[in-house]
C-alpha atoms as a PDB file:
ATOM      1  CA  MET A   1       0.000   0.000   0.000  1.00  0.00           C
ATOM      2  CA  THR A   2       1.307   3.451  -0.842  1.00  0.00           C
ATOM      3  CA  ASN A   3       1.204   6.428   1.456  1.00  0.00           C
ATOM      4  CA  PRO A   4      -1.396   8.900   0.162  1.00  0.00           C
ATOM      5  CA  THR A   5       0.214  11.826   2.011  1.00  0.00           C
ATOM      6  CA  ARG A   6       1.712  14.281  -0.453  1.00  0.00           C
ATOM      7  CA  VAL A   7       4.692  16.328   0.583  1.00  0.00           C
ATOM      8  CA  ALA A   8       4.052  20.013  -0.032  1.00  0.00           C
ATOM      9  CA  SER A   9       6.187  21.898  -2.514  1.00  0.00           C
ATOM     10  CA  ALA A  10       8.785  24.360  -1.277  1.00  0.00           C
ATOM     11  CA  GLU A  11       6.637  27.206  -2.575  1.00  0.00           C
ATOM     12  CA  GLU A  12       3.620  25.969  -0.620  1.00  0.00           C
ATOM     13  CA  LEU A  13       5.655  25.627   2.575  1.00  0.00           C
ATOM     14  CA  GLU A  14       7.217  29.058   2.097  1.00  0.00           C
ATOM     15  CA  SER A  15       3.737  30.562   1.830  1.00  0.00           C
ATOM     16  CA  VAL A  16       2.722  28.845   5.065  1.00  0.00           C
ATOM     17  CA  PHE A  17       5.956  30.037   6.700  1.00  0.00           C
ATOM     18  CA  GLN A  18       5.243  33.669   5.766  1.00  0.00           C
ATOM     19  CA  GLN A  19       1.756  33.483   7.274  1.00  0.00           C
ATOM     20  CA  GLU A  20       3.055  31.863  10.464  1.00  0.00           C
ATOM     21  CA  LEU A  21       5.884  34.362  10.802  1.00  0.00           C
ATOM     22  CA  ALA A  22       3.315  37.093  11.343  1.00  0.00           C
ATOM     23  CA  THR A  23       1.134  35.130  13.763  1.00  0.00           C
ATOM     24  CA  ASN A  24       3.012  32.259  15.429  1.00  0.00           C
ATOM     25  CA  ARG A  25       6.809  32.332  15.583  1.00  0.00           C
ATOM     26  CA  TRP A  26       7.086  28.801  17.018  1.00  0.00           C
ATOM     27  CA  ALA A  27       5.049  27.401  14.125  1.00  0.00           C
ATOM     28  CA  ALA A  28       7.253  29.436  11.759  1.00  0.00           C
ATOM     29  CA  ALA A  29      10.359  27.820  13.298  1.00  0.00           C
ATOM     30  CA  GLU A  30       8.802  24.384  12.726  1.00  0.00           C
ATOM     31  CA  SER A  31       8.044  25.318   9.108  1.00  0.00           C
ATOM     32  CA  ALA A  32      11.566  26.653   8.576  1.00  0.00           C
ATOM     33  CA  TYR A  33      12.897  23.320   9.856  1.00  0.00           C
ATOM     34  CA  ALA A  34      10.591  21.460   7.440  1.00  0.00           C
ATOM     35  CA  LEU A  35      11.820  23.646   4.563  1.00  0.00           C
ATOM     36  CA  ALA A  36      15.428  22.870   5.500  1.00  0.00           C
ATOM     37  CA  VAL A  37      14.631  19.140   5.403  1.00  0.00           C
ATOM     38  CA  LEU A  38      12.740  19.434   2.130  1.00  0.00           C
ATOM     39  CA  HIS A  39      15.612  21.231   0.390  1.00  0.00           C
ATOM     40  CA  ARG A  40      18.245  18.911   1.911  1.00  0.00           C
ATOM     41  CA  ASP A  41      16.364  15.840   0.741  1.00  0.00           C
ATOM     42  CA  GLY A  42      16.013  17.433  -2.697  1.00  0.00           C
ATOM     43  CA  GLY A  43      19.778  17.953  -2.876  1.00  0.00           C
ATOM     44  CA  ASP A  44      19.777  21.753  -2.560  1.00  0.00           C
ATOM     45  CA  TRP A  45      22.222  22.093   0.320  1.00  0.00           C
ATOM     46  CA  GLU A  46      22.552  25.868   0.074  1.00  0.00           C
ATOM     47  CA  LYS A  47      18.786  26.444   0.392  1.00  0.00           C
ATOM     48  CA  SER A  48      18.677  23.840   3.141  1.00  0.00           C
ATOM     49  CA  ARG A  49      21.313  25.696   5.138  1.00  0.00           C
ATOM     50  CA  GLU A  50      19.493  29.027   4.614  1.00  0.00           C
ATOM     51  CA  TRP A  51      16.309  27.564   6.090  1.00  0.00           C
ATOM     52  CA  ALA A  52      18.211  25.879   8.914  1.00  0.00           C
ATOM     53  CA  ARG A  53      19.748  29.270   9.789  1.00  0.00           C
ATOM     54  CA  GLN A  54      16.282  30.872   9.667  1.00  0.00           C
ATOM     55  CA  CYS A  55      15.029  28.180  12.043  1.00  0.00           C
ATOM     56  CA  LEU A  56      17.908  28.891  14.438  1.00  0.00           C
ATOM     57  CA  ARG A  57      17.188  32.642  14.371  1.00  0.00           C
ATOM     58  CA  LEU A  58      13.554  31.995  15.267  1.00  0.00           C
ATOM     59  CA  LEU A  59      14.466  29.546  18.018  1.00  0.00           C
ATOM     60  CA  GLU A  60      16.695  32.159  19.694  1.00  0.00           C
ATOM     61  CA  GLY A  61      13.609  33.873  21.053  1.00  0.00           C
ATOM     62  CA  PHE A  62      12.312  30.848  22.935  1.00  0.00           C
ATOM     63  CA  PRO A  63      13.393  29.276  26.235  1.00  0.00           C
ATOM     64  CA  SER A  64      14.936  25.828  25.926  1.00  0.00           C
ATOM     65  CA  ASP A  65      15.496  24.687  29.501  1.00  0.00           C
ATOM     66  CA  THR A  66      12.923  21.880  29.584  1.00  0.00           C
ATOM     67  CA  GLU A  67      11.534  19.272  27.197  1.00  0.00           C
ATOM     68  CA  GLU A  68       8.136  20.959  27.397  1.00  0.00           C
ATOM     69  CA  GLN A  69       9.644  24.214  26.121  1.00  0.00           C
ATOM     70  CA  VAL A  70      11.211  22.583  23.043  1.00  0.00           C
ATOM     71  CA  ALA A  71       8.505  20.024  22.223  1.00  0.00           C
ATOM     72  CA  THR A  72       7.137  20.464  18.716  1.00  0.00           C
ATOM     73  CA  THR A  73       3.436  21.202  18.446  1.00  0.00           C
ATOM     74  CA  ARG A  74       2.969  19.195  15.234  1.00  0.00           C
ATOM     75  CA  THR A  75       4.242  15.827  14.024  1.00  0.00           C
ATOM     76  CA  SER A  76       4.767  17.108  10.495  1.00  0.00           C
ATOM     77  CA  VAL A  77       4.531  20.212   8.344  1.00  0.00           C
ATOM     78  CA  GLY A  78       3.429  19.793   4.756  1.00  0.00           C
ATOM     79  CA  GLY A  79       4.164  16.077   4.920  1.00  0.00           C
ATOM     80  CA  VAL A  80       7.694  16.607   6.283  1.00  0.00           C
ATOM     81  CA  ALA A  81       8.192  14.847   9.625  1.00  0.00           C
ATOM     82  CA  LEU A  82       9.295  17.018  12.533  1.00  0.00           C
ATOM     83  CA  PRO A  83      11.463  15.845  15.416  1.00  0.00           C
ATOM     84  CA  ASN A  84       9.785  15.465  18.804  1.00  0.00           C
ATOM     85  CA  TYR A  85      11.932  18.298  20.147  1.00  0.00           C
ATOM     86  CA  LEU A  86      13.184  21.339  18.266  1.00  0.00           C
ATOM     87  CA  HIS A  87      16.143  23.306  19.607  1.00  0.00           C
ATOM     88  CA  GLU A  88      19.543  24.519  18.450  1.00  0.00           C
ATOM     89  CA  GLY A  89      21.257  21.192  19.170  1.00  0.00           C
ATOM     90  CA  VAL A  90      18.818  19.239  16.995  1.00  0.00           C
ATOM     91  CA  VAL A  91      19.151  21.685  14.097  1.00  0.00           C
ATOM     92  CA  ARG A  92      22.945  21.713  14.259  1.00  0.00           C
ATOM     93  CA  ASP A  93      23.075  17.921  14.569  1.00  0.00           C
ATOM     94  CA  ARG A  94      20.949  17.455  11.452  1.00  0.00           C
ATOM     95  CA  PHE A  95      22.302  20.296   9.310  1.00  0.00           C
ATOM     96  CA  GLY A  96      25.853  20.853  10.534  1.00  0.00           C
ATOM     97  CA  GLU A  97      27.644  22.881  13.133  1.00  0.00           C
ATOM     98  CA  ASN A  98      28.791  25.580  10.726  1.00  0.00           C
ATOM     99  CA  LEU A  99      25.467  27.121   9.832  1.00  0.00           C
END
C-alpha cells in the first residue's frame, strides 16, 4: 500500500511560513525546519542551510530549559516529519555545526 500523504512543494511551505511568521513564531520555526529538510532531501544544500539558519534565528527567542519548552506542536509540516523536540542542538546535529 502506498502512502497517500503528499509532501508540499517548497513554494507551498514558504507561503505557510510567511503566514506563520506574522502570527506564530514557534510554528514558523517548525516550518523553517521542514523547509530545511525538504531542500536537503532534494539535494539543494545551500537552500537547506538558509532555512536551517532561519530556524535557528527563530528559536533564539524561545526558552529551551525543559523538554516541554522545546517540544514540537505538530508531528509534520506539509508532509515533512518534525522531530519530537526542536532546539539549536537538533538543528545543528541534522544540518551541521557551521550554519
